[in-house]
Amino acid sequence: MKISNTDFGGGYRLITLENEQGMQLAVSDLGARIVHLSFPAAGKQRELILGFDSAEEYLVKDPYIGASIGRTAGRIENGVFELNGQTIQVDVDKTTHHSLHGGQPGFESKKWTYTIIEGHNEASVLFSLISLEGEHGYPGTLDIEVRYTLTADNRWRITTRGISDRDTLFNPTNHVYFNLSGDCTEAVDQHHLWLNSSYFAELRQDTIPTGKKLPVAGTAFDFTKKKALAELFISNFDQKQLADGMDHPFFLDQADLNVPAAILTSPDEKVELTVKTDASSVVLFTANFGDNTPEMHGQKMANHGGITFETQTAPGAEQFPEFGSIQLTAYQPLTTITEFKIEGKEE
C-alpha cells in the first residue's frame, strides 16, 4: 500500500491510500470525509465519486458531500423526540424547522483527529471525535470513531463506532455521492441499479416520513430487478415527483455483510459497485438539485449528477419503532459497517 499525507487547505489534511491495483482512496480530517475514490477503468484512472479540490470548497459549497454525518442522519420532525420518558428538543433548521443531520455545525464540518494504520493487505485511516454533552441539545458525551479502510482487493470499508456516557440517539452515515462515469456533468440516469429492498418509507411534502412502509412493487422505486435510473426520472410516480427523484429510506430485505444491498453499474459497464452493510436501511438520494448545482473541478455538476447510499437506520425511527431503534444505551458501544466493492471490466 502507498500512503501520502498532503495539505488540503485551511489547516486540513488529505490522506491518500493506494493499493497495487491502482485503486485510490483519499480522505480528509475535515468532516472525516472521502474526497476521492478512483479506479483504473477503460485504460485510464476514473473518479467514481463527487467532490471538491480543497477543504474551503466543501465548507462554502456543500459540507455534506462525502462527509461523516451525525449524531443522527436525516431529519427529526420539529427536532423533538422522547427518550426515557423525557421530551428532548434538539436544534432545528431555521428554514424547515426540523432537525437535519444532527444539527449544524455537525460532524461534517468539524476537524477530526486521525491515525494512519498501515498494513500489507489493507491500510486504514482512523478518525475520532468527541461530541460533548448538550451539543445541539443531545444528551450524553459521545465518542465517535470512523475508520476508512482500503483493501488489496478493491474494497472501501467504513466502520463507525459510538459510545456515550448517557442514553442518547445515534444514527450515523456517510454522505458520499457516486457517479461511476467519472464525469460530474453527466446525470446518473444511464447508470443501472439493483436494490435489495421491497419496501420504502413514504414521505410527506416536507420530506418527513409519514410512518408508512410502502411496497416498491409496481412503482418507479422498484429496483429488485436491475434497471436504468432513467426509468425513475421519467416517471410520474407521486413520491418521485415530490423529490424530483429519490430522497427516501429503503428498508433492506437483508441487513447482512455477506449479502449485497445494492449494485450500481456505470453506463459503459466498465465499473460495477457493490454495496454491503449491516444497517437495516439505506437512504437513496439522487442529487435532486435542479439548476442549483455546485462547480466541481472546474465543471458545473449536472442535476441528478450523483446517487448516495446512506446506510443507516431509517430516519423517523425516533417516532416509528417499526423503522428500528436509534437509541444508544449508555456505555454500550454501537458499531456499524458498510463496504463498497469496486470491480472493473477492461476491453
Protein backbone atom coordinates (compact mmCIF):
# COMPACT_ATOMS: atom_id res chain seq x y z
CA MET A 1 0.00 0.00 0.00
CA LYS A 2 1.17 3.51 -0.84
CA ILE A 3 0.20 6.27 1.62
CA SER A 4 0.61 10.03 1.25
CA ASN A 5 -0.37 12.89 3.55
CA THR A 6 -0.68 16.33 1.92
CA ASP A 7 -2.10 19.78 2.59
CA PHE A 8 -5.80 20.21 1.78
CA GLY A 9 -6.03 23.91 2.60
CA GLY A 10 -7.40 25.72 5.63
CA GLY A 11 -5.26 23.70 8.03
CA TYR A 12 -6.80 20.38 6.94
CA ARG A 13 -5.04 17.30 5.60
CA LEU A 14 -5.64 14.89 2.71
CA ILE A 15 -4.55 11.29 3.24
CA THR A 16 -4.39 9.10 0.15
CA LEU A 17 -4.23 5.30 0.19
CA GLU A 18 -3.38 3.36 -2.99
CA ASN A 19 -3.30 -0.39 -3.49
CA GLU A 20 -1.23 -2.36 -6.01
CA GLN A 21 -4.12 -2.45 -8.48
CA GLY A 22 -4.13 1.35 -8.68
CA MET A 23 -7.31 1.98 -6.71
CA GLN A 24 -7.01 5.20 -4.73
CA LEU A 25 -8.94 6.33 -1.64
CA ALA A 26 -8.37 9.91 -0.42
CA VAL A 27 -9.88 11.14 2.84
CA SER A 28 -9.69 14.31 4.91
CA ASP A 29 -9.86 15.26 8.57
CA LEU A 30 -12.44 17.88 7.57
CA GLY A 31 -15.64 16.02 8.38
CA ALA A 32 -13.90 12.61 8.29
CA ARG A 33 -14.87 12.61 4.63
CA ILE A 34 -13.98 10.79 1.48
CA VAL A 35 -12.64 13.18 -1.18
CA HIS A 36 -11.58 10.84 -3.97
CA LEU A 37 -12.23 7.23 -4.93
CA SER A 38 -10.66 6.35 -8.24
CA PHE A 39 -10.08 3.17 -10.18
CA PRO A 40 -8.36 2.18 -13.43
CA ALA A 41 -11.13 1.69 -15.99
CA ALA A 42 -11.17 1.65 -19.79
CA GLY A 43 -7.47 2.49 -19.89
CA LYS A 44 -7.40 5.47 -17.52
CA GLN A 45 -7.88 6.42 -13.89
CA ARG A 46 -11.59 7.15 -13.34
CA GLU A 47 -13.01 9.20 -10.47
CA LEU A 48 -16.06 7.42 -9.05
CA ILE A 49 -17.42 9.96 -6.57
CA LEU A 50 -18.28 13.65 -6.39
CA GLY A 51 -16.08 16.08 -4.53
CA PHE A 52 -14.06 19.28 -4.46
CA ASP A 53 -10.39 20.21 -4.71
CA SER A 54 -9.93 21.89 -1.32
CA ALA A 55 -11.33 21.97 2.20
CA GLU A 56 -12.52 25.53 1.69
CA GLU A 57 -14.69 24.48 -1.24
CA TYR A 58 -16.52 21.92 0.90
CA LEU A 59 -17.22 24.50 3.61
CA VAL A 60 -18.50 27.07 1.10
CA LYS A 61 -20.29 24.90 -1.48
CA ASP A 62 -21.64 21.81 0.31
CA PRO A 63 -20.17 20.49 3.58
CA TYR A 64 -22.18 17.24 3.43
CA ILE A 65 -20.67 15.79 0.24
CA GLY A 66 -18.59 12.77 1.18
CA ALA A 67 -18.75 13.55 4.90
CA SER A 68 -19.43 11.54 8.02
CA ILE A 69 -22.89 12.56 9.24
CA GLY A 70 -24.20 12.66 12.81
CA ARG A 71 -25.19 12.45 15.51
CA THR A 72 -28.39 11.49 13.69
CA ALA A 73 -28.50 11.28 9.92
CA GLY A 74 -31.69 12.52 8.25
CA ARG A 75 -34.46 14.67 9.63
CA ILE A 76 -36.19 14.66 13.01
CA GLU A 77 -39.62 16.29 12.89
CA ASN A 78 -39.56 19.59 14.79
CA GLY A 79 -36.35 18.40 16.44
CA VAL A 80 -38.38 16.64 19.15
CA PHE A 81 -38.16 13.06 20.43
CA GLU A 82 -38.94 11.07 23.55
CA LEU A 83 -36.15 9.36 25.47
CA ASN A 84 -36.64 7.50 28.75
CA GLY A 85 -39.93 9.28 29.35
CA GLN A 86 -38.48 12.74 28.72
CA THR A 87 -39.17 15.07 25.81
CA ILE A 88 -35.92 16.21 24.22
CA GLN A 89 -35.69 19.29 21.99
CA VAL A 90 -32.67 19.50 19.68
CA ASP A 91 -31.63 22.26 17.34
CA VAL A 92 -33.67 22.79 14.18
CA ASP A 93 -33.01 24.31 10.80
CA LYS A 94 -34.33 27.87 10.63
CA THR A 95 -35.96 27.29 7.25
CA THR A 96 -37.60 23.89 7.67
CA HIS A 97 -37.97 23.93 11.49
CA HIS A 98 -36.82 20.29 11.55
CA SER A 99 -33.50 18.89 12.71
CA LEU A 100 -31.19 17.86 9.87
CA HIS A 101 -28.18 15.53 10.24
CA GLY A 102 -27.84 16.19 13.96
CA GLY A 103 -27.64 19.98 13.79
CA GLN A 104 -25.17 22.47 12.36
CA PRO A 105 -22.26 22.55 12.57
CA GLY A 106 -22.30 18.76 12.75
CA PHE A 107 -19.77 16.03 12.14
CA GLU A 108 -19.42 17.18 8.53
CA SER A 109 -17.67 20.48 9.30
CA LYS A 110 -15.52 19.51 12.27
CA LYS A 111 -11.82 18.80 12.36
CA TRP A 112 -11.30 15.18 13.38
CA THR A 113 -8.14 13.70 14.84
CA TYR A 114 -6.73 10.80 12.88
CA THR A 115 -4.29 7.92 12.92
CA ILE A 116 -2.92 6.11 9.86
CA ILE A 117 -2.79 2.33 10.21
CA GLU A 118 -0.52 0.63 7.69
CA GLY A 119 -0.71 -2.99 6.59
CA HIS A 120 0.28 -5.13 3.63
CA ASN A 121 -3.20 -6.26 2.51
CA GLU A 122 -5.07 -3.20 3.71
CA ALA A 123 -4.49 0.25 5.16
CA SER A 124 -6.79 2.45 7.21
CA VAL A 125 -7.31 5.98 8.44
CA LEU A 126 -8.99 6.05 11.85
CA PHE A 127 -10.79 9.31 12.58
CA SER A 128 -12.04 10.22 16.07
CA LEU A 129 -14.18 12.97 17.53
CA ILE A 130 -15.88 13.85 20.82
CA SER A 131 -19.36 15.40 20.77
CA LEU A 132 -19.91 16.96 24.17
CA GLU A 133 -22.98 16.67 26.39
CA GLY A 134 -25.69 19.06 25.21
CA GLU A 135 -24.26 19.73 21.75
CA HIS A 136 -27.24 20.77 19.63
CA GLY A 137 -29.42 19.60 22.54
CA TYR A 138 -28.42 15.93 22.56
CA PRO A 139 -27.83 14.20 25.90
CA GLY A 140 -24.54 12.47 26.65
CA THR A 141 -20.92 12.99 25.69
CA LEU A 142 -20.41 10.83 22.63
CA ASP A 143 -17.08 9.38 21.48
CA ILE A 144 -17.09 8.57 17.76
CA GLU A 145 -14.65 6.71 15.56
CA VAL A 146 -14.87 6.41 11.79
CA ARG A 147 -12.39 4.04 10.17
CA TYR A 148 -11.85 4.10 6.39
CA THR A 149 -10.07 1.02 5.05
CA LEU A 150 -8.79 0.28 1.56
CA THR A 151 -8.08 -3.38 0.85
CA ALA A 152 -5.83 -5.07 -1.67
CA ASP A 153 -8.89 -6.47 -3.47
CA ASN A 154 -10.53 -3.07 -4.12
CA ARG A 155 -12.89 -2.74 -1.17
CA TRP A 156 -13.54 0.50 0.67
CA ARG A 157 -14.87 -0.25 4.13
CA ILE A 158 -16.39 2.23 6.59
CA THR A 159 -16.52 1.14 10.23
CA THR A 160 -18.28 3.57 12.58
CA ARG A 161 -18.32 3.19 16.36
CA GLY A 162 -20.00 5.33 19.01
CA ILE A 163 -20.19 5.17 22.80
CA SER A 164 -21.93 7.63 25.14
CA ASP A 165 -21.93 8.23 28.89
CA ARG A 166 -25.71 8.74 28.81
CA ASP A 167 -28.58 7.26 26.83
CA THR A 168 -28.86 9.25 23.63
CA LEU A 169 -29.65 8.93 19.92
CA PHE A 170 -27.01 7.82 17.42
CA ASN A 171 -27.65 7.12 13.73
CA PRO A 172 -24.51 7.85 11.69
CA THR A 173 -23.96 7.54 7.96
CA ASN A 174 -21.65 8.63 5.17
CA HIS A 175 -22.88 11.10 2.55
CA VAL A 176 -20.81 10.07 -0.47
CA TYR A 177 -22.24 10.61 -3.96
CA PHE A 178 -21.32 8.12 -6.66
CA ASN A 179 -21.09 8.87 -10.37
CA LEU A 180 -19.32 5.93 -12.00
CA SER A 181 -18.99 7.69 -15.35
CA GLY A 182 -16.21 9.87 -13.94
CA ASP A 183 -17.96 13.00 -15.24
CA CYS A 184 -19.94 15.19 -12.83
CA THR A 185 -21.56 16.99 -15.77
CA GLU A 186 -23.37 13.76 -16.69
CA ALA A 187 -26.54 12.77 -14.84
CA VAL A 188 -26.64 9.24 -13.44
CA ASP A 189 -29.73 8.37 -15.49
CA GLN A 190 -27.84 5.81 -17.59
CA HIS A 191 -26.46 4.04 -14.53
CA HIS A 192 -28.18 0.73 -13.79
CA LEU A 193 -29.25 -0.03 -10.22
CA TRP A 194 -30.26 -3.16 -8.37
CA LEU A 195 -31.51 -2.74 -4.80
CA ASN A 196 -32.23 -5.44 -2.23
CA SER A 197 -35.35 -3.70 -0.93
CA SER A 198 -39.06 -4.47 -1.17
CA TYR A 199 -40.31 -1.52 0.91
CA PHE A 200 -39.58 2.17 1.23
CA ALA A 201 -40.65 4.91 3.64
CA GLU A 202 -43.37 7.19 2.34
CA LEU A 203 -42.53 10.88 2.73
CA ARG A 204 -44.65 13.97 3.27
CA GLN A 205 -44.21 17.06 1.13
CA ASP A 206 -41.56 18.34 3.58
CA THR A 207 -39.68 15.01 3.28
CA ILE A 208 -40.56 13.87 6.81
CA PRO A 209 -41.57 10.17 6.89
CA THR A 210 -45.28 9.50 7.38
CA GLY A 211 -44.53 6.25 9.21
CA LYS A 212 -45.85 4.10 6.37
CA LYS A 213 -43.76 1.37 4.77
CA LEU A 214 -44.93 1.07 1.19
CA PRO A 215 -44.11 -1.76 -1.24
CA VAL A 216 -41.89 -0.87 -4.17
CA ALA A 217 -43.70 -3.39 -6.39
CA GLY A 218 -45.48 -1.67 -9.25
CA THR A 219 -43.75 1.68 -8.62
CA ALA A 220 -40.81 3.57 -10.08
CA PHE A 221 -38.93 2.72 -6.86
CA ASP A 222 -38.81 -0.98 -7.72
CA PHE A 223 -35.16 -1.85 -8.35
CA THR A 224 -35.45 -5.50 -7.32
CA LYS A 225 -34.63 -6.15 -10.97
CA LYS A 226 -31.76 -4.09 -12.34
CA LYS A 227 -32.85 -1.14 -14.44
CA ALA A 228 -31.64 2.27 -15.60
CA LEU A 229 -32.23 5.19 -13.27
CA ALA A 230 -33.70 7.00 -16.29
CA GLU A 231 -36.85 4.93 -15.79
CA LEU A 232 -37.22 6.58 -12.39
CA PHE A 233 -36.57 10.12 -13.60
CA ILE A 234 -39.15 9.98 -16.41
CA SER A 235 -41.89 8.52 -14.23
CA ASN A 236 -44.83 10.44 -12.77
CA PHE A 237 -44.88 8.40 -9.54
CA ASP A 238 -46.07 10.78 -6.83
CA GLN A 239 -43.22 10.04 -4.40
CA LYS A 240 -40.71 10.62 -7.20
CA GLN A 241 -42.45 13.87 -8.13
CA LEU A 242 -42.27 15.03 -4.51
CA ALA A 243 -38.47 14.98 -4.56
CA ASP A 244 -37.75 15.11 -8.34
CA GLY A 245 -36.11 11.73 -7.86
CA MET A 246 -35.33 9.76 -4.74
CA ASP A 247 -34.64 11.14 -1.27
CA HIS A 248 -36.12 8.14 0.51
CA PRO A 249 -35.24 5.47 3.03
CA PHE A 250 -35.39 1.94 1.61
CA PHE A 251 -35.70 -0.97 4.05
CA LEU A 252 -33.24 -3.70 3.15
CA ASP A 253 -34.62 -7.22 2.78
CA GLN A 254 -31.41 -8.48 4.40
CA ALA A 255 -29.09 -6.47 6.66
CA ASP A 256 -26.11 -8.73 6.21
CA LEU A 257 -22.49 -8.00 5.25
CA ASN A 258 -22.46 -11.25 3.28
CA VAL A 259 -25.37 -10.20 1.05
CA PRO A 260 -25.35 -7.29 -1.45
CA ALA A 261 -27.61 -4.39 -0.50
CA ALA A 262 -27.19 -2.62 -3.85
CA ILE A 263 -25.33 -2.94 -7.14
CA LEU A 264 -24.66 0.08 -9.35
CA THR A 265 -23.22 -0.24 -12.86
CA SER A 266 -21.66 2.53 -14.93
CA PRO A 267 -23.24 3.47 -18.28
CA ASP A 268 -20.33 1.92 -20.20
CA GLU A 269 -20.45 -1.19 -17.97
CA LYS A 270 -16.74 -0.76 -17.18
CA VAL A 271 -17.27 -0.25 -13.43
CA GLU A 272 -19.55 -2.07 -11.01
CA LEU A 273 -20.10 -1.01 -7.41
CA THR A 274 -21.47 -3.49 -4.86
CA VAL A 275 -22.68 -2.19 -1.50
CA LYS A 276 -22.91 -4.42 1.57
CA THR A 277 -23.94 -3.30 5.05
CA ASP A 278 -25.17 -4.45 8.43
CA ALA A 279 -27.52 -1.45 8.57
CA SER A 280 -31.26 -2.06 8.22
CA SER A 281 -31.92 0.59 5.59
CA VAL A 282 -30.30 2.84 3.04
CA VAL A 283 -31.31 6.35 2.03
CA LEU A 284 -31.05 6.86 -1.71
CA PHE A 285 -30.71 10.47 -2.78
CA THR A 286 -30.33 11.21 -6.47
CA ALA A 287 -28.80 14.69 -6.09
CA ASN A 288 -32.07 16.44 -6.87
CA PHE A 289 -30.57 19.94 -7.01
CA GLY A 290 -32.18 21.29 -10.18
CA ASP A 291 -30.11 24.18 -11.52
CA ASN A 292 -28.61 24.87 -8.09
CA THR A 293 -25.61 22.57 -8.52
CA PRO A 294 -22.06 23.44 -7.47
CA GLU A 295 -18.98 23.59 -9.64
CA MET A 296 -16.60 20.65 -9.22
CA HIS A 297 -13.09 20.50 -10.65
CA GLY A 298 -13.94 23.47 -12.89
CA GLN A 299 -17.17 21.97 -14.24
CA LYS A 300 -20.77 22.54 -13.23
CA MET A 301 -22.36 19.42 -11.76
CA ALA A 302 -25.43 18.11 -13.54
CA ASN A 303 -28.82 17.81 -11.86
CA HIS A 304 -29.03 14.17 -10.73
CA GLY A 305 -25.25 14.11 -11.08
CA GLY A 306 -24.78 11.55 -8.32
CA ILE A 307 -26.50 8.98 -6.13
CA THR A 308 -25.97 8.25 -2.44
CA PHE A 309 -26.18 5.01 -0.50
CA GLU A 310 -26.60 6.40 3.03
CA THR A 311 -26.64 3.20 5.06
CA GLN A 312 -28.30 3.73 8.45
CA THR A 313 -31.46 3.06 10.42
CA ALA A 314 -34.33 4.71 8.56
CA PRO A 315 -34.92 8.35 9.52
CA GLY A 316 -38.12 8.58 11.52
CA ALA A 317 -37.11 5.69 13.80
CA GLU A 318 -37.31 8.04 16.79
CA GLN A 319 -41.07 8.26 16.09
CA PHE A 320 -41.82 4.92 14.48
CA PRO A 321 -40.43 1.85 16.31
CA GLU A 322 -41.18 -0.35 13.30
CA PHE A 323 -38.39 1.53 11.46
CA GLY A 324 -35.84 0.26 14.02
CA SER A 325 -34.11 1.82 17.01
CA ILE A 326 -31.52 4.60 17.07
CA GLN A 327 -31.25 4.74 20.85
CA LEU A 328 -27.70 4.33 22.09
CA THR A 329 -27.61 2.96 25.63
CA ALA A 330 -25.02 4.47 27.96
CA TYR A 331 -21.65 2.71 27.92
CA GLN A 332 -22.82 0.17 25.33
CA PRO A 333 -20.87 0.81 22.12
CA LEU A 334 -22.54 0.59 18.73
CA THR A 335 -20.52 -0.42 15.67
CA THR A 336 -21.81 -0.43 12.10
CA ILE A 337 -20.02 -1.45 8.91
CA THR A 338 -20.60 -0.67 5.24
CA GLU A 339 -18.41 -1.97 2.44
CA PHE A 340 -18.12 -0.82 -1.16
CA LYS A 341 -16.55 -3.27 -3.61
CA ILE A 342 -15.27 -1.90 -6.92
CA GLU A 343 -14.89 -4.18 -9.92
CA GLY A 344 -13.72 -3.18 -13.37
CA LYS A 345 -14.14 -4.72 -16.78
CA GLU A 346 -11.43 -3.85 -19.27
CA GLU A 347 -11.67 -4.12 -23.04
